[in-house]
Each structure stands twice: as structure tokens, then as C-alpha cells.
Amino acid sequence: MTVRKLALADASFERSPGQEGDVWTGNVVDQRHGGPITIGYGRYGPGASLDETMAVDDVMIVLEGQLSVTTDAGTVTAGPGEFVYMPKGAKVTIRAHDAGAVTAYVTYPHWQEAAAD
């Protein structure tokens, strides 16, 4: 794999697997590129939420808007420039606030492969 510059414009967004809400993902690096991680962008519509048991370790960086991530241990809220780490096995609810949110993410291993297992 070569060094690459990645931008939001490089992402082709699809509805987040298994979701019916306004939650979209767009991988820009994944198993097709030969590296060990997936890198991509997420888009959450205003008030959109996602319930998930994490199949991979996931780091989400908020680029725009604000998100809250709730687990049994409590809720964290993140805004632009802040990270949320969600370990494999964590049961989370990710909820966008009124303006929605745009995120970047890095997962290990590839979330698409883990979701298929």
C-alpha cells in the first residue's frame, strides 16, 4: 500500500449495515487495499441513532456536529476535534445531536469482515 491523502470527497457513502436510520458510512481504506485497518467517514442525520455491539476496536473522530455515545457505564459527548474509543465487545448507542454529525473512523480489524462473521 502506498502513502495516500484522504478526504471526505473520496468516500462513497452507504447506509450503515443493518440500519434504517439516517446513518451512513464511507470507507476510503479497507481490506481491498491490503492494510490491517479500515479508515472512513460517517454521516449522522439530526437526531439519528445507532445501536451496536462493537465487532472491532473503533476510534471515531468528530469532524462536525456533536455525538453522544452511551454504554452501561454512562454517556460521553464529543464535538469537533474530539475522539471516542469504542472497544470490541462494547454495547453502544451512538446518537447525533440536533445538527447531525460528520465523523472519521479507524477500525481494527476491518469492520466489514467482522460484521460478516
PDB file of N, CA and C in Angstrom:
ATOM      1  N   MET A   1       0.846  -1.178   0.000  1.00  0.00           N
ATOM      2  CA  MET A   1       0.000   0.000   0.000  1.00  0.00           C
ATOM      3  C   MET A   1       0.889   1.237   0.000  1.00  0.00           C
ATOM      4  N   THR A   2       0.509   2.227  -0.749  1.00  0.00           N
ATOM      5  CA  THR A   2       1.291   3.454  -0.853  1.00  0.00           C
ATOM      6  C   THR A   2       0.722   4.534   0.072  1.00  0.00           C
ATOM      7  N   VAL A   3       1.492   5.576   0.295  1.00  0.00           N
ATOM      8  CA  VAL A   3       1.035   6.715   1.071  1.00  0.00           C
ATOM      9  C   VAL A   3      -0.079   7.406   0.286  1.00  0.00           C
ATOM     10  N   ARG A   4      -1.159   7.730   0.988  1.00  0.00           N
ATOM     11  CA  ARG A   4      -2.303   8.369   0.331  1.00  0.00           C
ATOM     12  C   ARG A   4      -2.822   9.519   1.183  1.00  0.00           C
ATOM     13  N   LYS A   5      -3.294  10.545   0.523  1.00  0.00           N
ATOM     14  CA  LYS A   5      -4.021  11.622   1.180  1.00  0.00           C
ATOM     15  C   LYS A   5      -5.504  11.307   1.010  1.00  0.00           C
ATOM     16  N   LEU A   6      -6.267  11.386   2.102  1.00  0.00           N
ATOM     17  CA  LEU A   6      -7.682  11.027   2.064  1.00  0.00           C
ATOM     18  C   LEU A   6      -8.534  12.231   2.435  1.00  0.00           C
ATOM     19  N   ALA A   7      -9.682  12.364   1.776  1.00  0.00           N
ATOM     20  CA  ALA A   7     -10.599  13.469   2.056  1.00  0.00           C
ATOM     21  C   ALA A   7     -12.033  12.960   2.016  1.00  0.00           C
ATOM     22  N   LEU A   8     -12.922  13.715   2.614  1.00  0.00           N
ATOM     23  CA  LEU A   8     -14.340  13.364   2.641  1.00  0.00           C
ATOM     24  C   LEU A   8     -14.872  13.112   1.232  1.00  0.00           C
ATOM     25  N   ALA A   9     -14.387  13.860   0.266  1.00  0.00           N
ATOM     26  CA  ALA A   9     -14.834  13.704  -1.123  1.00  0.00           C
ATOM     27  C   ALA A   9     -14.466  12.334  -1.699  1.00  0.00           C
ATOM     28  N   ASP A  10     -13.514  11.625  -1.087  1.00  0.00           N
ATOM     29  CA  ASP A  10     -13.103  10.299  -1.562  1.00  0.00           C
ATOM     30  C   ASP A  10     -14.063   9.197  -1.124  1.00  0.00           C
ATOM     31  N   ALA A  11     -14.937   9.491  -0.183  1.00  0.00           N
ATOM     32  CA  ALA A  11     -15.831   8.470   0.378  1.00  0.00           C
ATOM     33  C   ALA A  11     -17.085   8.310  -0.470  1.00  0.00           C
ATOM     34  N   SER A  12     -17.465   7.062  -0.669  1.00  0.00           N
ATOM     35  CA  SER A  12     -18.734   6.723  -1.303  1.00  0.00           C
ATOM     36  C   SER A  12     -19.638   6.178  -0.194  1.00  0.00           C
ATOM     37  N   PHE A  13     -20.640   6.948   0.206  1.00  0.00           N
ATOM     38  CA  PHE A  13     -21.437   6.613   1.384  1.00  0.00           C
ATOM     39  C   PHE A  13     -22.522   5.584   1.089  1.00  0.00           C
ATOM     40  N   GLU A  14     -22.679   4.668   2.044  1.00  0.00           N
ATOM     41  CA  GLU A  14     -23.743   3.658   2.026  1.00  0.00           C
ATOM     42  C   GLU A  14     -24.409   3.683   3.387  1.00  0.00           C
ATOM     43  N   ARG A  15     -25.682   3.295   3.427  1.00  0.00           N
ATOM     44  CA  ARG A  15     -26.361   3.216   4.719  1.00  0.00           C
ATOM     45  C   ARG A  15     -25.609   2.236   5.605  1.00  0.00           C
ATOM     46  N   SER A  16     -25.452   2.597   6.867  1.00  0.00           N
ATOM     47  CA  SER A  16     -24.756   1.730   7.810  1.00  0.00           C
ATOM     48  C   SER A  16     -25.445   0.366   7.828  1.00  0.00           C
ATOM     49  N   PRO A  17     -24.692  -0.741   7.710  1.00  0.00           N
ATOM     50  CA  PRO A  17     -25.288  -2.078   7.604  1.00  0.00           C
ATOM     51  C   PRO A  17     -26.259  -2.386   8.740  1.00  0.00           C
ATOM     52  N   GLY A  18     -27.417  -2.926   8.365  1.00  0.00           N
ATOM     53  CA  GLY A  18     -28.415  -3.322   9.342  1.00  0.00           C
ATOM     54  C   GLY A  18     -29.200  -2.169   9.941  1.00  0.00           C
ATOM     55  N   GLN A  19     -29.009  -0.960   9.439  1.00  0.00           N
ATOM     56  CA  GLN A  19     -29.665   0.216   9.999  1.00  0.00           C
ATOM     57  C   GLN A  19     -30.678   0.780   9.016  1.00  0.00           C
ATOM     58  N   GLU A  20     -31.737   1.362   9.554  1.00  0.00           N
ATOM     59  CA  GLU A  20     -32.741   2.015   8.720  1.00  0.00           C
ATOM     60  C   GLU A  20     -32.723   3.525   8.890  1.00  0.00           C
ATOM     61  N   GLY A  21     -31.970   3.999   9.873  1.00  0.00           N
ATOM     62  CA  GLY A  21     -31.926   5.432  10.161  1.00  0.00           C
ATOM     63  C   GLY A  21     -31.003   6.178   9.218  1.00  0.00           C
ATOM     64  N   ASP A  22     -30.842   7.452   9.507  1.00  0.00           N
ATOM     65  CA  ASP A  22     -30.027   8.346   8.688  1.00  0.00           C
ATOM     66  C   ASP A  22     -28.572   8.283   9.156  1.00  0.00           C
ATOM     67  N   VAL A  23     -27.968   7.071   9.029  1.00  0.00           N
ATOM     68  CA  VAL A  23     -26.588   6.819   9.438  1.00  0.00           C
ATOM     69  C   VAL A  23     -25.870   6.204   8.241  1.00  0.00           C
ATOM     70  N   TRP A  24     -24.776   6.832   7.812  1.00  0.00           N
ATOM     71  CA  TRP A  24     -24.086   6.445   6.584  1.00  0.00           C
ATOM     72  C   TRP A  24     -22.602   6.257   6.840  1.00  0.00           C
ATOM     73  N   THR A  25     -21.987   5.293   6.151  1.00  0.00           N
ATOM     74  CA  THR A  25     -20.549   5.057   6.250  1.00  0.00           C
ATOM     75  C   THR A  25     -19.928   5.111   4.862  1.00  0.00           C
ATOM     76  N   GLY A  26     -18.675   5.523   4.829  1.00  0.00           N
ATOM     77  CA  GLY A  26     -17.937   5.568   3.570  1.00  0.00           C
ATOM     78  C   GLY A  26     -16.476   5.222   3.813  1.00  0.00           C
ATOM     79  N   ASN A  27     -16.119   3.963   3.565  1.00  0.00           N
ATOM     80  CA  ASN A  27     -14.720   3.553   3.722  1.00  0.00           C
ATOM     81  C   ASN A  27     -13.868   4.175   2.625  1.00  0.00           C
ATOM     82  N   VAL A  28     -12.671   4.624   2.993  1.00  0.00           N
ATOM     83  CA  VAL A  28     -11.708   5.092   1.995  1.00  0.00           C
ATOM     84  C   VAL A  28     -10.480   4.189   1.951  1.00  0.00           C
ATOM     85  N   VAL A  29     -10.256   3.415   3.023  1.00  0.00           N
ATOM     86  CA  VAL A  29      -9.226   2.378   3.063  1.00  0.00           C
ATOM     87  C   VAL A  29      -9.843   1.196   3.797  1.00  0.00           C
ATOM     88  N   ASP A  30      -9.747   0.008   3.212  1.00  0.00           N
ATOM     89  CA  ASP A  30     -10.257  -1.189   3.876  1.00  0.00           C
ATOM     90  C   ASP A  30      -9.534  -2.423   3.356  1.00  0.00           C
ATOM     91  N   GLN A  31     -10.110  -3.600   3.569  1.00  0.00           N
ATOM     92  CA  GLN A  31      -9.466  -4.859   3.211  1.00  0.00           C
ATOM     93  C   GLN A  31      -9.082  -4.920   1.729  1.00  0.00           C
ATOM     94  N   ARG A  32      -9.750  -4.193   0.898  1.00  0.00           N
ATOM     95  CA  ARG A  32      -9.440  -4.192  -0.542  1.00  0.00           C
ATOM     96  C   ARG A  32      -8.094  -3.539  -0.849  1.00  0.00           C
ATOM     97  N   HIS A  33      -7.573  -2.767   0.110  1.00  0.00           N
ATOM     98  CA  HIS A  33      -6.326  -2.036  -0.101  1.00  0.00           C
ATOM     99  C   HIS A  33      -5.119  -2.717   0.528  1.00  0.00           C
ATOM    100  N   GLY A  34      -5.324  -3.822   1.245  1.00  0.00           N
ATOM    101  CA  GLY A  34      -4.215  -4.610   1.761  1.00  0.00           C
ATOM    102  C   GLY A  34      -3.670  -4.225   3.121  1.00  0.00           C
ATOM    103  N   GLY A  35      -4.182  -3.169   3.739  1.00  0.00           N
ATOM    104  CA  GLY A  35      -3.711  -2.779   5.066  1.00  0.00           C
ATOM    105  C   GLY A  35      -4.494  -3.494   6.164  1.00  0.00           C
ATOM    106  N   PRO A  36      -4.075  -3.363   7.420  1.00  0.00           N
ATOM    107  CA  PRO A  36      -4.726  -4.058   8.525  1.00  0.00           C
ATOM    108  C   PRO A  36      -5.912  -3.320   9.142  1.00  0.00           C
ATOM    109  N   ILE A  37      -6.160  -2.056   8.730  1.00  0.00           N
ATOM    110  CA  ILE A  37      -7.211  -1.249   9.337  1.00  0.00           C
ATOM    111  C   ILE A  37      -8.187  -0.741   8.282  1.00  0.00           C
ATOM    112  N   THR A  38      -9.351  -0.311   8.765  1.00  0.00           N
ATOM    113  CA  THR A  38     -10.305   0.388   7.917  1.00  0.00           C
ATOM    114  C   THR A  38     -10.328   1.843   8.361  1.00  0.00           C
ATOM    115  N   ILE A  39     -10.319   2.743   7.379  1.00  0.00           N
ATOM    116  CA  ILE A  39     -10.415   4.177   7.625  1.00  0.00           C
ATOM    117  C   ILE A  39     -11.582   4.689   6.790  1.00  0.00           C
ATOM    118  N   GLY A  40     -12.419   5.518   7.390  1.00  0.00           N
ATOM    119  CA  GLY A  40     -13.545   6.032   6.636  1.00  0.00           C
ATOM    120  C   GLY A  40     -14.199   7.210   7.314  1.00  0.00           C
ATOM    121  N   TYR A  41     -15.354   7.591   6.763  1.00  0.00           N
ATOM    122  CA  TYR A  41     -16.138   8.708   7.260  1.00  0.00           C
ATOM    123  C   TYR A  41     -17.541   8.233   7.576  1.00  0.00           C
ATOM    124  N   GLY A  42     -18.160   8.886   8.536  1.00  0.00           N
ATOM    125  CA  GLY A  42     -19.547   8.607   8.876  1.00  0.00           C
ATOM    126  C   GLY A  42     -20.357   9.886   8.811  1.00  0.00           C
ATOM    127  N   ARG A  43     -21.623   9.734   8.457  1.00  0.00           N
ATOM    128  CA  ARG A  43     -22.560  10.859   8.464  1.00  0.00           C
ATOM    129  C   ARG A  43     -23.791  10.439   9.250  1.00  0.00           C
ATOM    130  N   TYR A  44     -24.187  11.284  10.182  1.00  0.00           N
ATOM    131  CA  TYR A  44     -25.355  11.051  11.020  1.00  0.00           C
ATOM    132  C   TYR A  44     -26.309  12.217  10.826  1.00  0.00           C
ATOM    133  N   GLY A  45     -27.554  11.921  10.451  1.00  0.00           N
ATOM    134  CA  GLY A  45     -28.555  12.969  10.328  1.00  0.00           C
ATOM    135  C   GLY A  45     -28.948  13.497  11.697  1.00  0.00           C
ATOM    136  N   PRO A  46     -29.622  14.644  11.749  1.00  0.00           N
ATOM    137  CA  PRO A  46     -30.050  15.214  13.024  1.00  0.00           C
ATOM    138  C   PRO A  46     -30.847  14.204  13.853  1.00  0.00           C
ATOM    139  N   GLY A  47     -30.400  13.963  15.071  1.00  0.00           N
ATOM    140  CA  GLY A  47     -31.090  13.049  15.975  1.00  0.00           C
ATOM    141  C   GLY A  47     -30.957  11.576  15.639  1.00  0.00           C
ATOM    142  N   ALA A  48     -30.217  11.230  14.597  1.00  0.00           N
ATOM    143  CA  ALA A  48     -30.071   9.819  14.201  1.00  0.00           C
ATOM    144  C   ALA A  48     -29.342   9.046  15.287  1.00  0.00           C
ATOM    145  N   SER A  49     -29.717   7.774  15.449  1.00  0.00           N
ATOM    146  CA  SER A  49     -29.018   6.957  16.434  1.00  0.00           C
ATOM    147  C   SER A  49     -28.746   5.575  15.872  1.00  0.00           C
ATOM    148  N   LEU A  50     -27.758   4.938  16.478  1.00  0.00           N
ATOM    149  CA  LEU A  50     -27.274   3.634  16.046  1.00  0.00           C
ATOM    150  C   LEU A  50     -27.000   2.809  17.299  1.00  0.00           C
ATOM    151  N   ASP A  51     -27.619   1.629  17.402  1.00  0.00           N
ATOM    152  CA  ASP A  51     -27.347   0.685  18.482  1.00  0.00           C
ATOM    153  C   ASP A  51     -26.453  -0.406  17.924  1.00  0.00           C
ATOM    154  N   GLU A  52     -25.336  -0.666  18.598  1.00  0.00           N
ATOM    155  CA  GLU A  52     -24.350  -1.591  18.047  1.00  0.00           C
ATOM    156  C   GLU A  52     -23.569  -2.273  19.163  1.00  0.00           C
ATOM    157  N   THR A  53     -23.272  -3.553  18.967  1.00  0.00           N
ATOM    158  CA  THR A  53     -22.254  -4.218  19.766  1.00  0.00           C
ATOM    159  C   THR A  53     -21.014  -4.233  18.897  1.00  0.00           C
ATOM    160  N   MET A  54     -19.957  -3.602  19.370  1.00  0.00           N
ATOM    161  CA  MET A  54     -18.770  -3.390  18.553  1.00  0.00           C
ATOM    162  C   MET A  54     -18.099  -4.720  18.214  1.00  0.00           C
ATOM    163  N   ALA A  55     -17.990  -4.999  16.918  1.00  0.00           N
ATOM    164  CA  ALA A  55     -17.339  -6.224  16.438  1.00  0.00           C
ATOM    165  C   ALA A  55     -15.835  -6.026  16.282  1.00  0.00           C
ATOM    166  N   VAL A  56     -15.383  -4.770  16.381  1.00  0.00           N
ATOM    167  CA  VAL A  56     -13.968  -4.400  16.214  1.00  0.00           C
ATOM    168  C   VAL A  56     -13.650  -3.274  17.191  1.00  0.00           C
ATOM    169  N   ASP A  57     -12.385  -2.978  17.371  1.00  0.00           N
ATOM    170  CA  ASP A  57     -11.993  -1.766  18.086  1.00  0.00           C
ATOM    171  C   ASP A  57     -12.181  -0.597  17.128  1.00  0.00           C
ATOM    172  N   ASP A  58     -12.820   0.465  17.597  1.00  0.00           N
ATOM    173  CA  ASP A  58     -13.205   1.582  16.738  1.00  0.00           C
ATOM    174  C   ASP A  58     -12.827   2.898  17.406  1.00  0.00           C
ATOM    175  N   VAL A  59     -12.154   3.749  16.659  1.00  0.00           N
ATOM    176  CA  VAL A  59     -11.879   5.117  17.098  1.00  0.00           C
ATOM    177  C   VAL A  59     -12.658   6.039  16.167  1.00  0.00           C
ATOM    178  N   MET A  60     -13.512   6.874  16.740  1.00  0.00           N
ATOM    179  CA  MET A  60     -14.325   7.804  15.968  1.00  0.00           C
ATOM    180  C   MET A  60     -13.883   9.223  16.313  1.00  0.00           C
ATOM    181  N   ILE A  61     -13.613  10.022  15.286  1.00  0.00           N
ATOM    182  CA  ILE A  61     -13.201  11.408  15.453  1.00  0.00           C
ATOM    183  C   ILE A  61     -14.340  12.287  14.934  1.00  0.00           C
ATOM    184  N   VAL A  62     -14.852  13.165  15.760  1.00  0.00           N
ATOM    185  CA  VAL A  62     -15.933  14.047  15.334  1.00  0.00           C
ATOM    186  C   VAL A  62     -15.320  15.215  14.567  1.00  0.00           C
ATOM    187  N   LEU A  63     -15.790  15.401  13.342  1.00  0.00           N
ATOM    188  CA  LEU A  63     -15.321  16.498  12.495  1.00  0.00           C
ATOM    189  C   LEU A  63     -16.282  17.681  12.515  1.00  0.00           C
ATOM    190  N   GLU A  64     -17.576  17.375  12.525  1.00  0.00           N
ATOM    191  CA  GLU A  64     -18.628  18.405  12.540  1.00  0.00           C
ATOM    192  C   GLU A  64     -19.760  17.921  13.424  1.00  0.00           C
ATOM    193  N   GLY A  65     -20.442  18.842  14.070  1.00  0.00           N
ATOM    194  CA  GLY A  65     -21.595  18.488  14.887  1.00  0.00           C
ATOM    195  C   GLY A  65     -21.190  17.923  16.233  1.00  0.00           C
ATOM    196  N   GLN A  66     -22.108  17.145  16.801  1.00  0.00           N
ATOM    197  CA  GLN A  66     -21.884  16.580  18.131  1.00  0.00           C
ATOM    198  C   GLN A  66     -22.595  15.239  18.227  1.00  0.00           C
ATOM    199  N   LEU A  67     -21.931  14.288  18.909  1.00  0.00           N
ATOM    200  CA  LEU A  67     -22.473  12.950  19.128  1.00  0.00           C
ATOM    201  C   LEU A  67     -22.371  12.595  20.599  1.00  0.00           C
ATOM    202  N   SER A  68     -23.313  11.759  21.054  1.00  0.00           N
ATOM    203  CA  SER A  68     -23.214  11.146  22.371  1.00  0.00           C
ATOM    204  C   SER A  68     -23.118   9.647  22.176  1.00  0.00           C
ATOM    205  N   VAL A  69     -22.245   9.010  22.958  1.00  0.00           N
ATOM    206  CA  VAL A  69     -22.100   7.556  22.933  1.00  0.00           C
ATOM    207  C   VAL A  69     -22.434   7.055  24.335  1.00  0.00           C
ATOM    208  N   THR A  70     -23.452   6.203  24.406  1.00  0.00           N
ATOM    209  CA  THR A  70     -23.929   5.692  25.681  1.00  0.00           C
ATOM    210  C   THR A  70     -23.630   4.208  25.792  1.00  0.00           C
ATOM    211  N   THR A  71     -23.112   3.806  26.961  1.00  0.00           N
ATOM    212  CA  THR A  71     -22.887   2.404  27.306  1.00  0.00           C
ATOM    213  C   THR A  71     -23.478   2.180  28.693  1.00  0.00           C
ATOM    214  N   ASP A  72     -23.352   0.962  29.211  1.00  0.00           N
ATOM    215  CA  ASP A  72     -23.802   0.683  30.571  1.00  0.00           C
ATOM    216  C   ASP A  72     -23.063   1.537  31.596  1.00  0.00           C
ATOM    217  N   ALA A  73     -21.867   1.989  31.245  1.00  0.00           N
ATOM    218  CA  ALA A  73     -21.045   2.774  32.167  1.00  0.00           C
ATOM    219  C   ALA A  73     -21.396   4.259  32.162  1.00  0.00           C
ATOM    220  N   GLY A  74     -22.212   4.712  31.220  1.00  0.00           N
ATOM    221  CA  GLY A  74     -22.566   6.127  31.148  1.00  0.00           C
ATOM    222  C   GLY A  74     -22.529   6.661  29.733  1.00  0.00           C
ATOM    223  N   THR A  75     -22.517   7.973  29.618  1.00  0.00           N
ATOM    224  CA  THR A  75     -22.565   8.650  28.321  1.00  0.00           C
ATOM    225  C   THR A  75     -21.396   9.619  28.205  1.00  0.00           C
ATOM    226  N   VAL A  76     -20.758   9.610  27.037  1.00  0.00           N
ATOM    227  CA  VAL A  76     -19.762  10.626  26.702  1.00  0.00           C
ATOM    228  C   VAL A  76     -20.282  11.400  25.496  1.00  0.00           C
ATOM    229  N   THR A  77     -20.009  12.683  25.473  1.00  0.00           N
ATOM    230  CA  THR A  77     -20.408  13.539  24.359  1.00  0.00           C
ATOM    231  C   THR A  77     -19.148  14.114  23.745  1.00  0.00           C
ATOM    232  N   ALA A  78     -19.092  14.102  22.413  1.00  0.00           N
ATOM    233  CA  ALA A  78     -17.904  14.582  21.707  1.00  0.00           C
ATOM    234  C   ALA A  78     -18.315  15.554  20.611  1.00  0.00           C
ATOM    235  N   GLY A  79     -17.482  16.579  20.436  1.00  0.00           N
ATOM    236  CA  GLY A  79     -17.682  17.570  19.393  1.00  0.00           C
ATOM    237  C   GLY A  79     -16.455  17.632  18.500  1.00  0.00           C
ATOM    238  N   PRO A  80     -16.404  18.599  17.603  1.00  0.00           N
ATOM    239  CA  PRO A  80     -15.316  18.693  16.633  1.00  0.00           C
ATOM    240  C   PRO A  80     -13.930  18.625  17.287  1.00  0.00           C
ATOM    241  N   GLY A  81     -13.093  17.754  16.720  1.00  0.00           N
ATOM    242  CA  GLY A  81     -11.735  17.581  17.204  1.00  0.00           C
ATOM    243  C   GLY A  81     -11.593  16.588  18.338  1.00  0.00           C
ATOM    244  N   GLU A  82     -12.693  16.000  18.801  1.00  0.00           N
ATOM    245  CA  GLU A  82     -12.637  15.044  19.908  1.00  0.00           C
ATOM    246  C   GLU A  82     -12.807  13.619  19.399  1.00  0.00           C
ATOM    247  N   PHE A  83     -12.186  12.677  20.121  1.00  0.00           N
ATOM    248  CA  PHE A  83     -12.188  11.262  19.777  1.00  0.00           C
ATOM    249  C   PHE A  83     -13.073  10.501  20.753  1.00  0.00           C
ATOM    250  N   VAL A  84     -13.669   9.408  20.263  1.00  0.00           N
ATOM    251  CA  VAL A  84     -14.339   8.439  21.132  1.00  0.00           C
ATOM    252  C   VAL A  84     -13.781   7.076  20.766  1.00  0.00           C
ATOM    253  N   TYR A  85     -13.274   6.353  21.763  1.00  0.00           N
ATOM    254  CA  TYR A  85     -12.779   4.992  21.559  1.00  0.00           C
ATOM    255  C   TYR A  85     -13.843   4.025  22.036  1.00  0.00           C
ATOM    256  N   MET A  86     -14.198   3.074  21.165  1.00  0.00           N
ATOM    257  CA  MET A  86     -15.190   2.049  21.486  1.00  0.00           C
ATOM    258  C   MET A  86     -14.534   0.687  21.306  1.00  0.00           C
ATOM    259  N   PRO A  87     -14.241  -0.008  22.424  1.00  0.00           N
ATOM    260  CA  PRO A  87     -13.546  -1.286  22.319  1.00  0.00           C
ATOM    261  C   PRO A  87     -14.443  -2.401  21.791  1.00  0.00           C
ATOM    262  N   LYS A  88     -13.818  -3.368  21.195  1.00  0.00           N
ATOM    263  CA  LYS A  88     -14.514  -4.557  20.705  1.00  0.00           C
ATOM    264  C   LYS A  88     -15.342  -5.143  21.845  1.00  0.00           C
ATOM    265  N   GLY A  89     -16.596  -5.493  21.543  1.00  0.00           N
ATOM    266  CA  GLY A  89     -17.499  -6.091  22.521  1.00  0.00           C
ATOM    267  C   GLY A  89     -18.376  -5.098  23.260  1.00  0.00           C
ATOM    268  N   ALA A  90     -18.053  -3.799  23.206  1.00  0.00           N
ATOM    269  CA  ALA A  90     -18.859  -2.789  23.900  1.00  0.00           C
ATOM    270  C   ALA A  90     -20.226  -2.663  23.235  1.00  0.00           C
ATOM    271  N   LYS A  91     -21.268  -2.574  24.054  1.00  0.00           N
ATOM    272  CA  LYS A  91     -22.618  -2.314  23.549  1.00  0.00           C
ATOM    273  C   LYS A  91     -22.839  -0.815  23.645  1.00  0.00           C
ATOM    274  N   VAL A  92     -23.024  -0.167  22.496  1.00  0.00           N
ATOM    275  CA  VAL A  92     -23.102   1.290  22.454  1.00  0.00           C
ATOM    276  C   VAL A  92     -24.362   1.761  21.738  1.00  0.00           C
ATOM    277  N   THR A  93     -24.802   2.946  22.120  1.00  0.00           N
ATOM    278  CA  THR A  93     -25.787   3.699  21.355  1.00  0.00           C
ATOM    279  C   THR A  93     -25.114   5.006  20.985  1.00  0.00           C
ATOM    280  N   ILE A  94     -24.989   5.256  19.693  1.00  0.00           N
ATOM    281  CA  ILE A  94     -24.398   6.495  19.188  1.00  0.00           C
ATOM    282  C   ILE A  94     -25.551   7.362  18.712  1.00  0.00           C
ATOM    283  N   ARG A  95     -25.638   8.579  19.243  1.00  0.00           N
ATOM    284  CA  ARG A  95     -26.738   9.465  18.884  1.00  0.00           C
ATOM    285  C   ARG A  95     -26.203  10.825  18.472  1.00  0.00           C
ATOM    286  N   ALA A  96     -26.638  11.274  17.302  1.00  0.00           N
ATOM    287  CA  ALA A  96     -26.279  12.614  16.833  1.00  0.00           C
ATOM    288  C   ALA A  96     -27.185  13.638  17.501  1.00  0.00           C
ATOM    289  N   HIS A  97     -26.654  14.806  17.752  1.00  0.00           N
ATOM    290  CA  HIS A  97     -27.446  15.892  18.323  1.00  0.00           C
ATOM    291  C   HIS A  97     -28.208  16.592  17.208  1.00  0.00           C
ATOM    292  N   ASP A  98     -28.821  17.717  17.506  1.00  0.00           N
ATOM    293  CA  ASP A  98     -29.762  18.378  16.596  1.00  0.00           C
ATOM    294  C   ASP A  98     -29.219  18.698  15.209  1.00  0.00           C
ATOM    295  N   ALA A  99     -27.937  19.027  15.090  1.00  0.00           N
ATOM    296  CA  ALA A  99     -27.374  19.416  13.799  1.00  0.00           C
ATOM    297  C   ALA A  99     -26.817  18.229  13.013  1.00  0.00           C
ATOM    298  N   GLY A 100     -26.893  17.008  13.576  1.00  0.00           N
ATOM    299  CA  GLY A 100     -26.266  15.874  12.922  1.00  0.00           C
ATOM    300  C   GLY A 100     -24.765  15.901  13.175  1.00  0.00           C
ATOM    301  N   ALA A 101     -24.032  15.022  12.491  1.00  0.00           N
ATOM    302  CA  ALA A 101     -22.587  14.960  12.706  1.00  0.00           C
ATOM    303  C   ALA A 101     -21.894  14.318  11.519  1.00  0.00           C
ATOM    304  N   VAL A 102     -20.641  14.697  11.346  1.00  0.00           N
ATOM    305  CA  VAL A 102     -19.740  14.046  10.395  1.00  0.00           C
ATOM    306  C   VAL A 102     -18.549  13.560  11.215  1.00  0.00           C
ATOM    307  N   THR A 103     -18.167  12.310  10.984  1.00  0.00           N
ATOM    308  CA  THR A 103     -17.060  11.717  11.734  1.00  0.00           C
ATOM    309  C   THR A 103     -16.050  11.101  10.772  1.00  0.00           C
ATOM    310  N   ALA A 104     -14.885  10.836  11.304  1.00  0.00           N
ATOM    311  CA  ALA A 104     -13.910   9.969  10.642  1.00  0.00           C
ATOM    312  C   ALA A 104     -13.711   8.800  11.590  1.00  0.00           C
ATOM    313  N   TYR A 105     -13.382   7.619  11.052  1.00  0.00           N
ATOM    314  CA  TYR A 105     -13.177   6.463  11.923  1.00  0.00           C
ATOM    315  C   TYR A 105     -12.007   5.630  11.451  1.00  0.00           C
ATOM    316  N   VAL A 106     -11.438   4.916  12.419  1.00  0.00           N
ATOM    317  CA  VAL A 106     -10.403   3.927  12.168  1.00  0.00           C
ATOM    318  C   VAL A 106     -10.803   2.689  12.951  1.00  0.00           C
ATOM    319  N   THR A 107     -10.857   1.532  12.279  1.00  0.00           N
ATOM    320  CA  THR A 107     -11.185   0.294  12.979  1.00  0.00           C
ATOM    321  C   THR A 107     -10.100  -0.746  12.775  1.00  0.00           C
ATOM    322  N   TYR A 108      -9.961  -1.590  13.783  1.00  0.00           N
ATOM    323  CA  TYR A 108      -9.068  -2.736  13.685  1.00  0.00           C
ATOM    324  C   TYR A 108      -9.782  -3.922  14.313  1.00  0.00           C
ATOM    325  N   PRO A 109      -9.858  -5.042  13.635  1.00  0.00           N
ATOM    326  CA  PRO A 109      -9.559  -5.201  12.210  1.00  0.00           C
ATOM    327  C   PRO A 109     -10.665  -4.558  11.369  1.00  0.00           C
ATOM    328  N   HIS A 110     -10.799  -5.001  10.138  1.00  0.00           N
ATOM    329  CA  HIS A 110     -11.785  -4.425   9.215  1.00  0.00           C
ATOM    330  C   HIS A 110     -13.205  -4.712   9.692  1.00  0.00           C
ATOM    331  N   TRP A 111     -14.016  -3.656   9.862  1.00  0.00           N
ATOM    332  CA  TRP A 111     -15.363  -3.849  10.382  1.00  0.00           C
ATOM    333  C   TRP A 111     -16.265  -4.632   9.421  1.00  0.00           C
ATOM    334  N   GLN A 112     -16.082  -4.492   8.118  1.00  0.00           N
ATOM    335  CA  GLN A 112     -16.942  -5.228   7.180  1.00  0.00           C
ATOM    336  C   GLN A 112     -16.715  -6.719   7.288  1.00  0.00           C
ATOM    337  N   GLU A 113     -15.463  -7.137   7.448  1.00  0.00           N
ATOM    338  CA  GLU A 113     -15.172  -8.571   7.599  1.00  0.00           C
ATOM    339  C   GLU A 113     -15.710  -9.098   8.920  1.00  0.00           C
ATOM    340  N   ALA A 114     -15.559  -8.313   9.992  1.00  0.00           N
ATOM    341  CA  ALA A 114     -16.041  -8.744  11.308  1.00  0.00           C
ATOM    342  C   ALA A 114     -17.570  -8.842  11.320  1.00  0.00           C
ATOM    343  N   ALA A 115     -18.248  -7.927  10.632  1.00  0.00           N
ATOM    344  CA  ALA A 115     -19.701  -7.949  10.591  1.00  0.00           C
ATOM    345  C   ALA A 115     -20.223  -9.155   9.812  1.00  0.00           C
ATOM    346  N   ALA A 116     -19.433  -9.645   8.868  1.00  0.00           N
ATOM    347  CA  ALA A 116     -19.840 -10.794   8.049  1.00  0.00           C
ATOM    348  C   ALA A 116     -19.690 -12.121   8.793  1.00  0.00           C
ATOM    349  N   ASP A 117     -18.858 -12.125   9.858  1.00  0.00           N
ATOM    350  CA  ASP A 117     -18.633 -13.368  10.622  1.00  0.00           C
ATOM    351  C   ASP A 117     -19.830 -13.767  11.444  1.00  0.00           C
TER     352      ASP A 117
END
